[in-house]
C-alpha atoms as a PDB file:
ATOM      1  CA  MET A   1     -88.900  66.023  93.210  1.00  0.00           C
ATOM      2  CA  VAL A   2     -86.877  68.850  94.727  1.00  0.00           C
ATOM      3  CA  LYS A   3     -83.286  69.387  93.576  1.00  0.00           C
ATOM      4  CA  ILE A   4     -80.378  71.510  94.691  1.00  0.00           C
ATOM      5  CA  ARG A   5     -78.803  72.778  91.492  1.00  0.00           C
ATOM      6  CA  LEU A   6     -77.064  75.676  89.786  1.00  0.00           C
ATOM      7  CA  ARG A   7     -78.920  78.542  88.187  1.00  0.00           C
ATOM      8  CA  ARG A   8     -76.915  80.470  85.605  1.00  0.00           C
ATOM      9  CA  MET A   9     -76.915  84.216  85.989  1.00  0.00           C
ATOM     10  CA  GLY A  10     -74.760  86.953  84.527  1.00  0.00           C
ATOM     11  CA  SER A  11     -74.327  88.074  80.957  1.00  0.00           C
ATOM     12  CA  ARG A  12     -72.922  86.389  77.899  1.00  0.00           C
ATOM     13  CA  HIS A  13     -69.332  85.155  78.444  1.00  0.00           C
ATOM     14  CA  ARG A  14     -69.508  86.222  82.100  1.00  0.00           C
ATOM     15  CA  PRO A  15     -71.197  83.363  83.936  1.00  0.00           C
ATOM     16  CA  PHE A  16     -72.233  83.615  87.563  1.00  0.00           C
ATOM     17  CA  TYR A  17     -74.165  80.852  89.297  1.00  0.00           C
ATOM     18  CA  ARG A  18     -76.569  80.693  92.199  1.00  0.00           C
ATOM     19  CA  VAL A  19     -77.080  77.480  94.141  1.00  0.00           C
ATOM     20  CA  VAL A  20     -80.832  77.076  94.477  1.00  0.00           C
ATOM     21  CA  VAL A  21     -83.497  74.649  95.633  1.00  0.00           C
ATOM     22  CA  SER A  22     -86.113  74.155  92.937  1.00  0.00           C
ATOM     23  CA  ASP A  23     -88.614  71.722  91.512  1.00  0.00           C
ATOM     24  CA  SER A  24     -86.856  69.387  89.073  1.00  0.00           C
ATOM     25  CA  ARG A  25     -89.846  69.391  86.718  1.00  0.00           C
ATOM     26  CA  LYS A  26     -89.386  73.083  85.974  1.00  0.00           C
ATOM     27  CA  VAL A  27     -86.642  74.797  84.004  1.00  0.00           C
ATOM     28  CA  PRO A  28     -83.648  75.952  86.098  1.00  0.00           C
ATOM     29  CA  SER A  29     -84.445  79.618  85.414  1.00  0.00           C
ATOM     30  CA  SER A  30     -87.963  79.374  86.863  1.00  0.00           C
ATOM     31  CA  ARG A  31     -89.034  80.395  90.355  1.00  0.00           C
ATOM     32  CA  VAL A  32     -86.958  78.880  93.156  1.00  0.00           C
ATOM     33  CA  ILE A  33     -87.867  77.666  96.620  1.00  0.00           C
ATOM     34  CA  GLU A  34     -84.713  78.989  98.307  1.00  0.00           C
ATOM     35  CA  GLU A  35     -81.293  80.375  97.367  1.00  0.00           C
ATOM     36  CA  LEU A  36     -78.451  78.610  99.173  1.00  0.00           C
ATOM     37  CA  GLY A  37     -75.403  80.471  97.939  1.00  0.00           C
ATOM     38  CA  HIS A  38     -73.451  81.477  94.866  1.00  0.00           C
ATOM     39  CA  TYR A  39     -70.455  80.448  92.762  1.00  0.00           C
ATOM     40  CA  ASP A  40     -68.309  82.784  90.656  1.00  0.00           C
ATOM     41  CA  PRO A  41     -65.825  80.851  88.484  1.00  0.00           C
ATOM     42  CA  ARG A  42     -64.381  84.002  86.858  1.00  0.00           C
ATOM     43  CA  LYS A  43     -62.778  85.415  90.001  1.00  0.00           C
ATOM     44  CA  ASP A  44     -59.223  84.523  90.990  1.00  0.00           C
ATOM     45  CA  PRO A  45     -59.436  82.646  93.341  1.00  0.00           C
ATOM     46  CA  VAL A  46     -62.832  81.155  92.580  1.00  0.00           C
ATOM     47  CA  VAL A  47     -65.581  82.392  94.934  1.00  0.00           C
ATOM     48  CA  ILE A  48     -67.848  79.744  96.472  1.00  0.00           C
ATOM     49  CA  ARG A  49     -70.252  80.872  99.203  1.00  0.00           C
ATOM     50  CA  LEU A  50     -72.699  78.254 100.459  1.00  0.00           C
ATOM     51  CA  LYS A  51     -75.123  77.955 103.360  1.00  0.00           C
ATOM     52  CA  THR A  52     -74.104  74.411 104.312  1.00  0.00           C
ATOM     53  CA  ASP A  53     -76.575  74.206 107.196  1.00  0.00           C
ATOM     54  CA  ARG A  54     -79.453  74.890 104.799  1.00  0.00           C
ATOM     55  CA  ILE A  55     -78.062  72.387 102.265  1.00  0.00           C
ATOM     56  CA  ASP A  56     -78.000  69.754 105.016  1.00  0.00           C
ATOM     57  CA  HIS A  57     -81.564  70.707 105.948  1.00  0.00           C
ATOM     58  CA  TRP A  58     -82.838  70.210 102.392  1.00  0.00           C
ATOM     59  CA  VAL A  59     -80.921  66.949 101.927  1.00  0.00           C
ATOM     60  CA  SER A  60     -82.476  65.634 105.146  1.00  0.00           C
ATOM     61  CA  ARG A  61     -85.883  66.528 103.656  1.00  0.00           C
ATOM     62  CA  GLY A  62     -85.134  64.416 100.567  1.00  0.00           C
ATOM     63  CA  ALA A  63     -83.741  66.952  98.105  1.00  0.00           C
ATOM     64  CA  GLN A  64     -81.419  65.531  95.463  1.00  0.00           C
ATOM     65  CA  VAL A  65     -78.066  67.274  94.960  1.00  0.00           C
ATOM     66  CA  THR A  66     -76.700  67.502  91.413  1.00  0.00           C
ATOM     67  CA  ASP A  67     -73.161  66.264  90.739  1.00  0.00           C
ATOM     68  CA  THR A  68     -71.831  69.764  90.110  1.00  0.00           C
ATOM     69  CA  VAL A  69     -73.240  71.151  93.353  1.00  0.00           C
ATOM     70  CA  ARG A  70     -71.908  68.128  95.240  1.00  0.00           C
ATOM     71  CA  GLY A  71     -68.435  68.957  93.926  1.00  0.00           C
ATOM     72  CA  LEU A  72     -68.819  72.596  94.936  1.00  0.00           C
ATOM     73  CA  VAL A  73     -69.826  71.576  98.469  1.00  0.00           C
ATOM     74  CA  ARG A  74     -66.702  69.397  98.711  1.00  0.00           C
ATOM     75  CA  ARG A  75     -64.484  72.235  97.451  1.00  0.00           C
ATOM     76  CA  ALA A  76     -66.043  74.723  99.855  1.00  0.00           C
ATOM     77  CA  SER A  77     -65.662  72.402 102.842  1.00  0.00           C
ATOM     78  CA  ALA A  78     -62.045  71.607 101.905  1.00  0.00           C
ATOM     79  CA  ALA A  79     -61.263  75.329 101.629  1.00  0.00           C
ATOM     80  CA  ALA A  80     -62.892  76.006 105.009  1.00  0.00           C
ATOM     81  CA  GLU A  81     -60.812  73.320 106.720  1.00  0.00           C
ATOM     82  CA  SER A  82     -57.484  74.643 105.473  1.00  0.00           C
END
């Protein structure tokens, strides 16, 4: 099964996340199919950059979105509307 999930990057105590499409049977740090954006919770304001058209493409192909990524998509779309 293919999932859209977060991949932790950065150093210790300085997390940075990439939103990626990967095989759910592999560990999140393994090779990815496609990178769909990034999320930096340490910036003020928080930086969320997502390729929503590609997320929609993968969801239409049957990819499962994790709860955390689903929340990030909602926050990014709410920020874009205002």
